[in-house]
Amino acid sequence: MSQEHLDQAETLRTLTDRLVSQEETGGEPMVARVISVTSGKGGVGKTAVTSNLAVALARMGKKVLIIDADLGLANIDVVFGLTPQYNLNHFFGGEKTLEEVMVEGPEGIKILPAGSGVQSITHLTGEQKMRFLQELDSINDEFDFVLIDTEAGISENVTYFNVAAQDILVVTTPEPTAITDAYVLMKLLSLQYHEKQFNLIVNSVKDSDEALDVYKKLTIVSDRYLDISIDYLGCIPWDKKMRESVRRQTSILHLYPNIKVSSSFESIACSLTSTPQSSMPKGTIQFFWRKLFSF
């Protein structure tokens, strides 16, 4: 075994021993929930859902971290109107720490911005991976929720983040192509990665009946061909003010806090906070990154 692998093994052992020690001494375990926000195709409003859901959670007193996992096309910082000086390129290059890369958005939300052309996770060296793991471990108890804004589609990066997260939140719209691509994504994660539980948000609907019709279509076909469960979290009504908020680089909850769209995000945030934390290790930050890097 190389020295690099020995060093990685020792670091993982240290982190594991720390968690065991917390449990044995009655210490508080890490409680952050890791949620991937994903979609089968682009253009369904996935990043807008991530950013507004983060704002809704933060307004409920939750500490939120957003990881921009769209490694080839960073946009979370753009949505919030931020111009970060550094991004994950600088971290993986050894120039900055995660704390130095992390920026603060509205409502105290913390963001790890991706840089255009950032290295693929699958091509990082063992040293880079372990440094990332160690630094995340040092800050993980600062957050209640970690939202990962994945790339759209079914690339390897998308599957990595979805498989490791505790909750998989699929965003789609009523468009037939979006529904089909959402099903393809869930089918891939089910058949190849044995994921059985998904959450669904239907964006840009004219009313709740249209959203429920999308949910019904997906459950009918998944019940017939897949062994999965889809939970309906809610819907976001179409409103031209959403486009305005994106153009003005401000969340819809800040611009128009009293409209139906904002209420919808608040309702979905309430659903997430009221759902009991899974007792399984899947979804804790330490487990997330260990599983991700094990690929």
C-alpha atoms as a PDB file:
ATOM      1  CA  MET A   1       0.000   0.000   0.000  1.00  0.00           C
ATOM      2  CA  SER A   2       1.370   3.437  -0.945  1.00  0.00           C
ATOM      3  CA  GLN A   3       2.068   6.162   1.597  1.00  0.00           C
ATOM      4  CA  GLU A   4      -0.789   8.184   0.106  1.00  0.00           C
ATOM      5  CA  HIS A   5      -3.288   5.380   0.746  1.00  0.00           C
ATOM      6  CA  LEU A   6      -1.896   4.881   4.244  1.00  0.00           C
ATOM      7  CA  ASP A   7      -2.368   8.587   4.988  1.00  0.00           C
ATOM      8  CA  GLN A   8      -5.957   8.485   3.659  1.00  0.00           C
ATOM      9  CA  ALA A   9      -6.780   5.421   5.729  1.00  0.00           C
ATOM     10  CA  GLU A  10      -5.372   7.043   8.854  1.00  0.00           C
ATOM     11  CA  THR A  11      -7.404  10.206   8.308  1.00  0.00           C
ATOM     12  CA  LEU A  12     -10.629   8.245   7.821  1.00  0.00           C
ATOM     13  CA  ARG A  13      -9.858   6.243  10.957  1.00  0.00           C
ATOM     14  CA  THR A  14      -9.395   9.453  12.929  1.00  0.00           C
ATOM     15  CA  LEU A  15     -12.721  10.871  11.722  1.00  0.00           C
ATOM     16  CA  THR A  16     -14.531   7.617  12.497  1.00  0.00           C
ATOM     17  CA  ASP A  17     -13.005   7.442  15.980  1.00  0.00           C
ATOM     18  CA  ARG A  18     -14.224  10.976  16.613  1.00  0.00           C
ATOM     19  CA  LEU A  19     -17.828  10.028  15.763  1.00  0.00           C
ATOM     20  CA  VAL A  20     -17.673   6.894  17.914  1.00  0.00           C
ATOM     21  CA  SER A  21     -16.288   8.920  20.801  1.00  0.00           C
ATOM     22  CA  GLN A  22     -19.176  11.380  20.489  1.00  0.00           C
ATOM     23  CA  GLU A  23     -21.725   8.573  20.686  1.00  0.00           C
ATOM     24  CA  GLU A  24     -20.046   6.881  23.645  1.00  0.00           C
ATOM     25  CA  THR A  25     -19.805  10.109  25.646  1.00  0.00           C
ATOM     26  CA  GLY A  26     -23.312  11.229  24.829  1.00  0.00           C
ATOM     27  CA  GLY A  27     -22.083  14.031  22.575  1.00  0.00           C
ATOM     28  CA  GLU A  28     -24.395  15.491  19.985  1.00  0.00           C
ATOM     29  CA  PRO A  29     -24.054  13.710  16.619  1.00  0.00           C
ATOM     30  CA  MET A  30     -23.761  15.682  13.410  1.00  0.00           C
ATOM     31  CA  VAL A  31     -27.301  16.505  12.333  1.00  0.00           C
ATOM     32  CA  ALA A  32     -26.901  18.160   8.928  1.00  0.00           C
ATOM     33  CA  ARG A  33     -29.160  16.729   6.245  1.00  0.00           C
ATOM     34  CA  VAL A  34     -27.567  16.405   2.835  1.00  0.00           C
ATOM     35  CA  ILE A  35     -30.081  16.933   0.037  1.00  0.00           C
ATOM     36  CA  SER A  36     -29.292  16.732  -3.661  1.00  0.00           C
ATOM     37  CA  VAL A  37     -31.460  18.914  -5.882  1.00  0.00           C
ATOM     38  CA  THR A  38     -31.361  17.329  -9.304  1.00  0.00           C
ATOM     39  CA  SER A  39     -33.140  17.057 -12.638  1.00  0.00           C
ATOM     40  CA  GLY A  40     -33.170  14.907 -15.729  1.00  0.00           C
ATOM     41  CA  LYS A  41     -32.794  17.873 -18.057  1.00  0.00           C
ATOM     42  CA  GLY A  42     -31.802  21.510 -17.955  1.00  0.00           C
ATOM     43  CA  GLY A  43     -34.199  24.405 -18.011  1.00  0.00           C
ATOM     44  CA  VAL A  44     -36.624  23.139 -15.358  1.00  0.00           C
ATOM     45  CA  GLY A  45     -35.617  25.718 -12.739  1.00  0.00           C
ATOM     46  CA  LYS A  46     -33.472  23.444 -10.556  1.00  0.00           C
ATOM     47  CA  THR A  47     -31.062  26.176  -9.444  1.00  0.00           C
ATOM     48  CA  ALA A  48     -33.920  28.587  -8.747  1.00  0.00           C
ATOM     49  CA  VAL A  49     -35.553  25.894  -6.605  1.00  0.00           C
ATOM     50  CA  THR A  50     -32.287  25.313  -4.724  1.00  0.00           C
ATOM     51  CA  SER A  51     -31.671  28.988  -4.016  1.00  0.00           C
ATOM     52  CA  ASN A  52     -35.222  29.839  -2.961  1.00  0.00           C
ATOM     53  CA  LEU A  53     -35.562  26.709  -0.861  1.00  0.00           C
ATOM     54  CA  ALA A  54     -32.328  27.678   0.897  1.00  0.00           C
ATOM     55  CA  VAL A  55     -33.755  31.122   1.662  1.00  0.00           C
ATOM     56  CA  ALA A  56     -36.989  29.607   2.997  1.00  0.00           C
ATOM     57  CA  LEU A  57     -35.037  27.231   5.269  1.00  0.00           C
ATOM     58  CA  ALA A  58     -32.791  30.034   6.486  1.00  0.00           C
ATOM     59  CA  ARG A  59     -35.820  32.146   7.376  1.00  0.00           C
ATOM     60  CA  MET A  60     -36.973  29.265   9.553  1.00  0.00           C
ATOM     61  CA  GLY A  61     -33.779  29.604  11.537  1.00  0.00           C
ATOM     62  CA  LYS A  62     -31.892  26.802   9.783  1.00  0.00           C
ATOM     63  CA  LYS A  63     -28.212  27.090   8.939  1.00  0.00           C
ATOM     64  CA  VAL A  64     -27.813  26.258   5.272  1.00  0.00           C
ATOM     65  CA  LEU A  65     -24.836  25.454   3.066  1.00  0.00           C
ATOM     66  CA  ILE A  66     -25.208  25.288  -0.716  1.00  0.00           C
ATOM     67  CA  ILE A  67     -22.608  23.356  -2.682  1.00  0.00           C
ATOM     68  CA  ASP A  68     -22.611  24.300  -6.347  1.00  0.00           C
ATOM     69  CA  ALA A  69     -21.970  20.880  -7.856  1.00  0.00           C
ATOM     70  CA  ASP A  70     -22.551  21.991 -11.418  1.00  0.00           C
ATOM     71  CA  LEU A  71     -18.814  21.771 -11.887  1.00  0.00           C
ATOM     72  CA  GLY A  72     -18.778  22.831 -15.508  1.00  0.00           C
ATOM     73  CA  LEU A  73     -21.299  25.686 -15.366  1.00  0.00           C
ATOM     74  CA  ALA A  74     -21.337  27.442 -11.994  1.00  0.00           C
ATOM     75  CA  ASN A  75     -24.463  29.543 -11.409  1.00  0.00           C
ATOM     76  CA  ILE A  76     -25.546  29.601  -7.747  1.00  0.00           C
ATOM     77  CA  ASP A  77     -23.422  32.686  -7.094  1.00  0.00           C
ATOM     78  CA  VAL A  78     -24.939  34.348 -10.180  1.00  0.00           C
ATOM     79  CA  VAL A  79     -28.484  33.674  -8.967  1.00  0.00           C
ATOM     80  CA  PHE A  80     -27.689  35.444  -5.691  1.00  0.00           C
ATOM     81  CA  GLY A  81     -25.880  38.305  -7.398  1.00  0.00           C
ATOM     82  CA  LEU A  82     -22.561  37.390  -5.801  1.00  0.00           C
ATOM     83  CA  THR A  83     -19.102  37.819  -7.289  1.00  0.00           C
ATOM     84  CA  PRO A  84     -16.912  35.461  -5.265  1.00  0.00           C
ATOM     85  CA  GLN A  85     -13.219  36.163  -5.431  1.00  0.00           C
ATOM     86  CA  TYR A  86     -12.389  32.476  -5.135  1.00  0.00           C
ATOM     87  CA  ASN A  87     -14.041  29.175  -6.042  1.00  0.00           C
ATOM     88  CA  LEU A  88     -13.410  25.455  -5.742  1.00  0.00           C
ATOM     89  CA  ASN A  89     -10.703  25.710  -8.387  1.00  0.00           C
ATOM     90  CA  HIS A  90      -8.611  27.660  -5.895  1.00  0.00           C
ATOM     91  CA  PHE A  91      -9.249  25.099  -3.170  1.00  0.00           C
ATOM     92  CA  PHE A  92      -8.324  22.074  -5.249  1.00  0.00           C
ATOM     93  CA  GLY A  93      -5.299  23.956  -6.526  1.00  0.00           C
ATOM     94  CA  GLY A  94      -4.087  24.264  -2.951  1.00  0.00           C
ATOM     95  CA  GLU A  95      -4.308  28.042  -2.986  1.00  0.00           C
ATOM     96  CA  LYS A  96      -7.195  28.557  -0.538  1.00  0.00           C
ATOM     97  CA  THR A  97      -9.025  26.772   2.278  1.00  0.00           C
ATOM     98  CA  LEU A  98     -12.749  26.000   2.122  1.00  0.00           C
ATOM     99  CA  GLU A  99     -13.377  28.775   4.628  1.00  0.00           C
ATOM    100  CA  GLU A 100     -11.628  31.199   2.294  1.00  0.00           C
ATOM    101  CA  VAL A 101     -13.567  29.935  -0.731  1.00  0.00           C
ATOM    102  CA  MET A 102     -16.933  29.955   1.065  1.00  0.00           C
ATOM    103  CA  VAL A 103     -19.033  33.066   0.581  1.00  0.00           C
ATOM    104  CA  GLU A 104     -22.089  34.332   2.423  1.00  0.00           C
ATOM    105  CA  GLY A 105     -25.346  34.922   0.629  1.00  0.00           C
ATOM    106  CA  PRO A 106     -28.707  36.308   1.782  1.00  0.00           C
ATOM    107  CA  GLU A 107     -30.139  35.261   5.144  1.00  0.00           C
ATOM    108  CA  GLY A 108     -26.709  34.014   6.242  1.00  0.00           C
ATOM    109  CA  ILE A 109     -26.667  31.180   3.673  1.00  0.00           C
ATOM    110  CA  LYS A 110     -23.149  29.907   3.006  1.00  0.00           C
ATOM    111  CA  ILE A 111     -22.138  28.914  -0.522  1.00  0.00           C
ATOM    112  CA  LEU A 112     -19.260  26.892  -1.929  1.00  0.00           C
ATOM    113  CA  PRO A 113     -19.131  28.275  -5.473  1.00  0.00           C
ATOM    114  CA  ALA A 114     -17.896  26.202  -8.374  1.00  0.00           C
ATOM    115  CA  GLY A 115     -15.686  27.720 -11.008  1.00  0.00           C
ATOM    116  CA  SER A 116     -16.212  27.325 -14.715  1.00  0.00           C
ATOM    117  CA  GLY A 117     -14.005  24.459 -15.800  1.00  0.00           C
ATOM    118  CA  VAL A 118     -13.395  23.198 -12.257  1.00  0.00           C
ATOM    119  CA  GLN A 119     -11.772  19.759 -12.122  1.00  0.00           C
ATOM    120  CA  SER A 120     -14.080  16.782 -12.144  1.00  0.00           C
ATOM    121  CA  ILE A 121     -14.358  15.038  -8.794  1.00  0.00           C
ATOM    122  CA  THR A 122     -13.382  11.799 -10.491  1.00  0.00           C
ATOM    123  CA  HIS A 123     -10.052  13.275 -11.544  1.00  0.00           C
ATOM    124  CA  LEU A 124      -8.990  14.706  -8.206  1.00  0.00           C
ATOM    125  CA  THR A 125      -5.949  13.203  -6.581  1.00  0.00           C
ATOM    126  CA  GLY A 126      -6.143  11.285  -3.323  1.00  0.00           C
ATOM    127  CA  GLU A 127      -4.465  14.178  -1.554  1.00  0.00           C
ATOM    128  CA  GLN A 128      -7.040  16.655  -2.857  1.00  0.00           C
ATOM    129  CA  LYS A 129      -9.899  14.381  -1.831  1.00  0.00           C
ATOM    130  CA  MET A 130      -8.614  13.887   1.685  1.00  0.00           C
ATOM    131  CA  ARG A 131      -7.971  17.589   2.169  1.00  0.00           C
ATOM    132  CA  PHE A 132     -11.541  18.297   1.090  1.00  0.00           C
ATOM    133  CA  LEU A 133     -12.837  15.635   3.485  1.00  0.00           C
ATOM    134  CA  GLN A 134     -10.805  16.955   6.402  1.00  0.00           C
ATOM    135  CA  GLU A 135     -11.861  20.572   5.919  1.00  0.00           C
ATOM    136  CA  LEU A 136     -15.538  19.682   5.506  1.00  0.00           C
ATOM    137  CA  ASP A 137     -15.335  17.608   8.675  1.00  0.00           C
ATOM    138  CA  SER A 138     -14.071  20.653  10.547  1.00  0.00           C
ATOM    139  CA  ILE A 139     -17.106  22.770   9.561  1.00  0.00           C
ATOM    140  CA  ASN A 140     -19.905  20.188   9.282  1.00  0.00           C
ATOM    141  CA  ASP A 141     -21.490  20.934  12.645  1.00  0.00           C
ATOM    142  CA  GLU A 142     -22.186  24.503  11.552  1.00  0.00           C
ATOM    143  CA  PHE A 143     -25.109  23.533   9.307  1.00  0.00           C
ATOM    144  CA  ASP A 144     -28.591  22.030   9.558  1.00  0.00           C
ATOM    145  CA  PHE A 145     -29.031  21.524   5.823  1.00  0.00           C
ATOM    146  CA  VAL A 146     -26.586  21.011   2.967  1.00  0.00           C
ATOM    147  CA  LEU A 147     -28.166  21.527  -0.459  1.00  0.00           C
ATOM    148  CA  ILE A 148     -26.260  20.270  -3.473  1.00  0.00           C
ATOM    149  CA  ASP A 149     -27.220  21.875  -6.769  1.00  0.00           C
ATOM    150  CA  THR A 150     -26.222  19.120  -9.191  1.00  0.00           C
ATOM    151  CA  GLU A 151     -25.698  19.275 -12.902  1.00  0.00           C
ATOM    152  CA  ALA A 152     -28.696  18.435 -15.052  1.00  0.00           C
ATOM    153  CA  GLY A 153     -28.819  15.070 -16.760  1.00  0.00           C
ATOM    154  CA  ILE A 154     -27.337  11.670 -15.951  1.00  0.00           C
ATOM    155  CA  SER A 155     -23.596  12.258 -16.051  1.00  0.00           C
ATOM    156  CA  GLU A 156     -21.261  10.530 -13.599  1.00  0.00           C
ATOM    157  CA  ASN A 157     -21.006  13.655 -11.462  1.00  0.00           C
ATOM    158  CA  VAL A 158     -24.804  13.761 -11.156  1.00  0.00           C
ATOM    159  CA  THR A 159     -25.019  10.153 -10.017  1.00  0.00           C
ATOM    160  CA  TYR A 160     -22.148  10.581  -7.524  1.00  0.00           C
ATOM    161  CA  PHE A 161     -23.847  13.407  -5.658  1.00  0.00           C
ATOM    162  CA  ASN A 162     -27.309  11.844  -5.776  1.00  0.00           C
ATOM    163  CA  VAL A 163     -26.180   8.444  -4.518  1.00  0.00           C
ATOM    164  CA  ALA A 164     -24.318   9.898  -1.558  1.00  0.00           C
ATOM    165  CA  ALA A 165     -26.985  12.400  -0.433  1.00  0.00           C
ATOM    166  CA  GLN A 166     -29.566  11.495   2.189  1.00  0.00           C
ATOM    167  CA  ASP A 167     -32.480  12.888   0.213  1.00  0.00           C
ATOM    168  CA  ILE A 168     -32.814  13.046  -3.565  1.00  0.00           C
ATOM    169  CA  LEU A 169     -35.071  15.883  -4.662  1.00  0.00           C
ATOM    170  CA  VAL A 170     -36.037  15.633  -8.337  1.00  0.00           C
ATOM    171  CA  VAL A 171     -37.255  18.799 -10.038  1.00  0.00           C
ATOM    172  CA  THR A 172     -39.345  18.590 -13.187  1.00  0.00           C
ATOM    173  CA  THR A 173     -41.971  20.560 -15.103  1.00  0.00           C
ATOM    174  CA  PRO A 174     -45.199  19.439 -16.834  1.00  0.00           C
ATOM    175  CA  GLU A 175     -43.431  19.302 -20.202  1.00  0.00           C
ATOM    176  CA  PRO A 176     -43.424  15.736 -21.578  1.00  0.00           C
ATOM    177  CA  THR A 177     -39.660  15.783 -22.210  1.00  0.00           C
ATOM    178  CA  ALA A 178     -38.971  16.946 -18.651  1.00  0.00           C
ATOM    179  CA  ILE A 179     -41.192  14.199 -17.211  1.00  0.00           C
ATOM    180  CA  THR A 180     -39.495  11.572 -19.368  1.00  0.00           C
ATOM    181  CA  ASP A 181     -36.018  12.736 -18.388  1.00  0.00           C
ATOM    182  CA  ALA A 182     -36.961  12.798 -14.699  1.00  0.00           C
ATOM    183  CA  TYR A 183     -38.084   9.179 -15.004  1.00  0.00           C
ATOM    184  CA  VAL A 184     -34.871   8.215 -16.828  1.00  0.00           C
ATOM    185  CA  LEU A 185     -32.798   9.755 -14.016  1.00  0.00           C
ATOM    186  CA  MET A 186     -34.720   7.881 -11.315  1.00  0.00           C
ATOM    187  CA  LYS A 187     -34.538   4.667 -13.349  1.00  0.00           C
ATOM    188  CA  LEU A 188     -30.760   4.969 -13.629  1.00  0.00           C
ATOM    189  CA  LEU A 189     -30.317   5.667  -9.930  1.00  0.00           C
ATOM    190  CA  SER A 190     -32.625   2.785  -9.059  1.00  0.00           C
ATOM    191  CA  LEU A 191     -31.271   0.089 -11.350  1.00  0.00           C
ATOM    192  CA  GLN A 192     -27.571   0.926 -11.212  1.00  0.00           C
ATOM    193  CA  TYR A 193     -27.211   2.452  -7.742  1.00  0.00           C
ATOM    194  CA  HIS A 194     -30.112   0.815  -5.872  1.00  0.00           C
ATOM    195  CA  GLU A 195     -31.757   4.081  -4.830  1.00  0.00           C
ATOM    196  CA  LYS A 196     -35.352   3.445  -3.782  1.00  0.00           C
ATOM    197  CA  GLN A 197     -36.605   6.734  -2.368  1.00  0.00           C
ATOM    198  CA  PHE A 198     -37.149   9.979  -4.282  1.00  0.00           C
ATOM    199  CA  ASN A 199     -38.834  13.309  -3.616  1.00  0.00           C
ATOM    200  CA  LEU A 200     -40.571  15.274  -6.351  1.00  0.00           C
ATOM    201  CA  ILE A 201     -41.133  18.974  -6.936  1.00  0.00           C
ATOM    202  CA  VAL A 202     -43.085  20.024 -10.024  1.00  0.00           C
ATOM    203  CA  ASN A 203     -42.104  23.500 -11.168  1.00  0.00           C
ATOM    204  CA  SER A 204     -43.889  26.004 -13.418  1.00  0.00           C
ATOM    205  CA  VAL A 205     -47.407  24.566 -13.107  1.00  0.00           C
ATOM    206  CA  LYS A 206     -50.656  26.361 -13.815  1.00  0.00           C
ATOM    207  CA  ASP A 207     -52.292  24.805 -10.747  1.00  0.00           C
ATOM    208  CA  SER A 208     -51.893  21.978  -8.241  1.00  0.00           C
ATOM    209  CA  ASP A 209     -54.006  19.631 -10.376  1.00  0.00           C
ATOM    210  CA  GLU A 210     -51.454  19.826 -13.179  1.00  0.00           C
ATOM    211  CA  ALA A 211     -48.659  19.044 -10.693  1.00  0.00           C
ATOM    212  CA  LEU A 212     -50.544  16.073  -9.285  1.00  0.00           C
ATOM    213  CA  ASP A 213     -51.117  14.793 -12.796  1.00  0.00           C
ATOM    214  CA  VAL A 214     -47.331  14.806 -13.355  1.00  0.00           C
ATOM    215  CA  TYR A 215     -46.844  12.981 -10.065  1.00  0.00           C
ATOM    216  CA  LYS A 216     -49.498  10.435 -11.035  1.00  0.00           C
ATOM    217  CA  LYS A 217     -47.853   9.746 -14.408  1.00  0.00           C
ATOM    218  CA  LEU A 218     -44.449   9.182 -12.782  1.00  0.00           C
ATOM    219  CA  THR A 219     -45.821   6.931 -10.042  1.00  0.00           C
ATOM    220  CA  ILE A 220     -47.830   4.809 -12.482  1.00  0.00           C
ATOM    221  CA  VAL A 221     -44.861   4.075 -14.703  1.00  0.00           C
ATOM    222  CA  SER A 222     -42.448   3.628 -11.799  1.00  0.00           C
ATOM    223  CA  ASP A 223     -44.829   1.251 -10.026  1.00  0.00           C
ATOM    224  CA  ARG A 224     -45.011  -0.811 -13.181  1.00  0.00           C
ATOM    225  CA  TYR A 225     -41.320  -0.969 -14.045  1.00  0.00           C
ATOM    226  CA  LEU A 226     -39.297   0.101 -10.987  1.00  0.00           C
ATOM    227  CA  ASP A 227     -39.162  -0.780  -7.310  1.00  0.00           C
ATOM    228  CA  ILE A 228     -39.059   2.804  -6.027  1.00  0.00           C
ATOM    229  CA  SER A 229     -41.102   5.197  -3.924  1.00  0.00           C
ATOM    230  CA  ILE A 230     -41.754   8.792  -4.987  1.00  0.00           C
ATOM    231  CA  ASP A 231     -42.913  11.314  -2.391  1.00  0.00           C
ATOM    232  CA  TYR A 232     -44.644  14.438  -3.639  1.00  0.00           C
ATOM    233  CA  LEU A 233     -43.185  17.469  -1.843  1.00  0.00           C
ATOM    234  CA  GLY A 234     -45.186  20.120  -3.632  1.00  0.00           C
ATOM    235  CA  CYS A 235     -45.338  22.372  -6.671  1.00  0.00           C
ATOM    236  CA  ILE A 236     -44.256  25.836  -7.722  1.00  0.00           C
ATOM    237  CA  PRO A 237     -46.798  27.793  -9.798  1.00  0.00           C
ATOM    238  CA  TRP A 238     -45.658  29.494 -12.972  1.00  0.00           C
ATOM    239  CA  ASP A 239     -45.216  33.208 -12.480  1.00  0.00           C
ATOM    240  CA  LYS A 240     -43.380  35.690 -14.671  1.00  0.00           C
ATOM    241  CA  LYS A 241     -42.050  37.230 -11.466  1.00  0.00           C
ATOM    242  CA  MET A 242     -39.734  34.211 -11.167  1.00  0.00           C
ATOM    243  CA  ARG A 243     -37.977  35.300 -14.345  1.00  0.00           C
ATOM    244  CA  GLU A 244     -37.786  38.799 -12.958  1.00  0.00           C
ATOM    245  CA  SER A 245     -36.148  37.543  -9.771  1.00  0.00           C
ATOM    246  CA  VAL A 246     -33.543  35.623 -11.781  1.00  0.00           C
ATOM    247  CA  ARG A 247     -32.867  38.687 -13.911  1.00  0.00           C
ATOM    248  CA  ARG A 248     -32.498  40.850 -10.805  1.00  0.00           C
ATOM    249  CA  GLN A 249     -30.347  38.179  -9.100  1.00  0.00           C
ATOM    250  CA  THR A 250     -32.559  38.173  -6.020  1.00  0.00           C
ATOM    251  CA  SER A 251     -34.667  35.393  -4.554  1.00  0.00           C
ATOM    252  CA  ILE A 252     -38.399  35.534  -5.169  1.00  0.00           C
ATOM    253  CA  LEU A 253     -38.944  35.390  -1.407  1.00  0.00           C
ATOM    254  CA  HIS A 254     -37.112  38.688  -1.032  1.00  0.00           C
ATOM    255  CA  LEU A 255     -38.757  40.439  -3.952  1.00  0.00           C
ATOM    256  CA  TYR A 256     -42.316  39.174  -3.482  1.00  0.00           C
ATOM    257  CA  PRO A 257     -42.700  37.494  -0.083  1.00  0.00           C
ATOM    258  CA  ASN A 258     -46.501  37.424  -0.183  1.00  0.00           C
ATOM    259  CA  ILE A 259     -47.218  35.760  -3.531  1.00  0.00           C
ATOM    260  CA  LYS A 260     -48.121  32.099  -4.124  1.00  0.00           C
ATOM    261  CA  VAL A 261     -44.678  31.184  -5.432  1.00  0.00           C
ATOM    262  CA  SER A 262     -43.023  32.296  -2.199  1.00  0.00           C
ATOM    263  CA  SER A 263     -45.642  30.498  -0.134  1.00  0.00           C
ATOM    264  CA  SER A 264     -44.956  27.335  -2.113  1.00  0.00           C
ATOM    265  CA  PHE A 265     -41.244  27.420  -1.265  1.00  0.00           C
ATOM    266  CA  GLU A 266     -42.071  28.033   2.387  1.00  0.00           C
ATOM    267  CA  SER A 267     -44.472  25.075   2.377  1.00  0.00           C
ATOM    268  CA  ILE A 268     -41.853  22.754   0.879  1.00  0.00           C
ATOM    269  CA  ALA A 269     -39.282  23.956   3.423  1.00  0.00           C
ATOM    270  CA  CYS A 270     -41.739  23.167   6.219  1.00  0.00           C
ATOM    271  CA  SER A 271     -42.208  19.674   4.798  1.00  0.00           C
ATOM    272  CA  LEU A 272     -38.459  19.094   4.822  1.00  0.00           C
ATOM    273  CA  THR A 273     -38.001  20.303   8.376  1.00  0.00           C
ATOM    274  CA  SER A 274     -40.930  18.254   9.652  1.00  0.00           C
ATOM    275  CA  THR A 275     -39.676  15.027   8.070  1.00  0.00           C
ATOM    276  CA  PRO A 276     -37.817  12.954  10.715  1.00  0.00           C
ATOM    277  CA  GLN A 277     -34.073  12.670  10.246  1.00  0.00           C
ATOM    278  CA  SER A 278     -33.115   9.236   8.981  1.00  0.00           C
ATOM    279  CA  SER A 279     -31.337   7.093  11.558  1.00  0.00           C
ATOM    280  CA  MET A 280     -29.237   5.604   8.771  1.00  0.00           C
ATOM    281  CA  PRO A 281     -25.778   7.055   8.255  1.00  0.00           C
ATOM    282  CA  LYS A 282     -26.559   7.998   4.669  1.00  0.00           C
ATOM    283  CA  GLY A 283     -26.597  11.748   4.358  1.00  0.00           C
ATOM    284  CA  THR A 284     -24.261  12.884   7.115  1.00  0.00           C
ATOM    285  CA  ILE A 285     -21.511  15.025   5.715  1.00  0.00           C
ATOM    286  CA  GLN A 286     -18.742  12.623   6.700  1.00  0.00           C
ATOM    287  CA  PHE A 287     -20.555   9.675   5.143  1.00  0.00           C
ATOM    288  CA  PHE A 288     -21.414  11.724   2.080  1.00  0.00           C
ATOM    289  CA  TRP A 289     -17.842  12.533   1.207  1.00  0.00           C
ATOM    290  CA  ARG A 290     -16.422   9.145   2.134  1.00  0.00           C
ATOM    291  CA  LYS A 291     -18.950   7.446  -0.098  1.00  0.00           C
ATOM    292  CA  LEU A 292     -18.424   9.964  -2.868  1.00  0.00           C
ATOM    293  CA  PHE A 293     -14.660   9.515  -2.837  1.00  0.00           C
ATOM    294  CA  SER A 294     -14.920   5.743  -2.566  1.00  0.00           C
ATOM    295  CA  PHE A 295     -16.031   5.728  -6.206  1.00  0.00           C
END
